[in-house]
């Protein structure tokens, strides 16, 4: 079973490759993405990493609160995003 990991407070220079390299110390990284702003293309300072459950638990325990590229990382299991309803009945 795979687990999606939220990684917050990333340096704005971070990309999927550097995120994958950081997490690969704890097991196989299935995917690693840094979220970027739609309009500017600039990093929003957070991303997601997908790993097998056992490896994900090791990575979360090891990396939460660790300083990386001058920023203290927030690392935890990603929560499912709730659907947000917009006024006017649009989704």
Protein backbone atom coordinates (compact mmCIF):
# COMPACT_ATOMS: atom_id res chain seq x y z
CA UNK A 1 0.00 0.00 0.00
CA UNK A 2 1.30 3.46 -0.85
CA UNK A 3 1.07 6.56 1.31
CA UNK A 4 1.06 10.18 0.19
CA UNK A 5 3.28 12.40 2.34
CA UNK A 6 2.78 16.16 2.72
CA UNK A 7 6.02 18.16 2.83
CA UNK A 8 5.61 21.77 3.90
CA UNK A 9 7.85 24.80 4.39
CA UNK A 10 10.03 23.86 1.43
CA UNK A 11 12.63 26.27 0.09
CA UNK A 12 11.30 27.96 -3.04
CA UNK A 13 14.24 26.50 -4.97
CA UNK A 14 13.10 22.92 -4.24
CA UNK A 15 11.79 20.80 -7.11
CA UNK A 16 10.52 17.24 -7.55
CA UNK A 17 14.01 15.90 -8.15
CA UNK A 18 15.50 17.35 -4.96
CA UNK A 19 12.46 16.14 -2.98
CA UNK A 20 12.87 12.65 -4.42
CA UNK A 21 16.58 12.64 -3.53
CA UNK A 22 15.85 13.72 0.05
CA UNK A 23 13.22 11.02 0.63
CA UNK A 24 15.03 8.21 -1.24
CA UNK A 25 17.29 7.75 1.80
CA UNK A 26 14.32 6.05 3.49
CA UNK A 27 13.05 3.85 0.67
CA UNK A 28 11.77 3.86 -2.90
CA UNK A 29 10.07 7.08 -3.94
CA UNK A 30 7.16 6.38 -6.27
CA UNK A 31 6.53 10.05 -7.06
CA UNK A 32 7.61 13.47 -5.80
CA UNK A 33 5.98 16.76 -6.81
CA UNK A 34 6.39 20.35 -5.67
CA UNK A 35 3.20 22.37 -6.09
CA UNK A 36 3.54 25.56 -8.10
CA UNK A 37 1.35 28.62 -8.49
CA UNK A 38 -0.83 28.43 -11.61
CA UNK A 39 -0.26 32.03 -12.61
CA UNK A 40 3.42 32.58 -11.83
CA UNK A 41 4.78 29.03 -12.00
CA UNK A 42 6.69 29.72 -8.76
CA UNK A 43 6.80 27.08 -6.02
CA UNK A 44 4.11 27.44 -3.36
CA UNK A 45 6.48 26.02 -0.73
CA UNK A 46 4.97 22.57 -0.34
CA UNK A 47 4.80 19.27 -2.13
CA UNK A 48 3.87 15.62 -1.95
CA UNK A 49 5.88 12.40 -1.99
CA UNK A 50 4.41 8.95 -2.53
CA UNK A 51 6.11 5.92 -0.95
CA UNK A 52 5.29 2.45 0.34
CA UNK A 53 3.66 2.62 3.80
CA UNK A 54 6.61 1.26 5.83
CA UNK A 55 9.11 3.53 4.06
CA UNK A 56 6.76 6.50 4.41
CA UNK A 57 6.54 6.05 8.20
CA UNK A 58 10.36 5.98 8.42
CA UNK A 59 10.69 9.11 6.27
CA UNK A 60 8.04 11.04 8.23
CA UNK A 61 9.67 10.17 11.57
CA UNK A 62 13.14 11.08 10.31
CA UNK A 63 12.38 14.28 8.38
CA UNK A 64 9.63 16.10 10.31
CA UNK A 65 11.20 19.20 11.86
CA UNK A 66 14.56 18.72 10.13
CA UNK A 67 16.21 21.79 8.62
CA UNK A 68 16.68 21.48 4.86
CA UNK A 69 18.01 24.28 2.64
CA UNK A 70 17.59 26.73 5.54
CA UNK A 71 13.93 25.84 6.26
CA UNK A 72 12.49 23.58 8.97
CA UNK A 73 10.36 20.98 7.17
CA UNK A 74 6.82 19.97 8.16
CA UNK A 75 6.35 16.35 7.12
CA UNK A 76 3.25 14.24 7.77
CA UNK A 77 0.82 11.89 6.09
CA UNK A 78 -1.25 13.83 3.56
CA UNK A 79 -4.92 14.25 4.39
CA UNK A 80 -7.64 13.81 1.79
CA UNK A 81 -8.77 17.17 0.52
CA UNK A 82 -12.41 17.91 1.21
CA UNK A 83 -14.50 19.02 -1.74
CA UNK A 84 -15.13 22.73 -1.55
CA UNK A 85 -18.45 24.04 -2.79
CA UNK A 86 -18.47 27.40 -4.47
CA UNK A 87 -21.35 29.85 -4.17
CA UNK A 88 -23.81 29.71 -7.02
CA UNK A 89 -23.84 25.92 -7.29
CA UNK A 90 -20.60 25.67 -9.28
CA UNK A 91 -17.95 23.16 -8.37
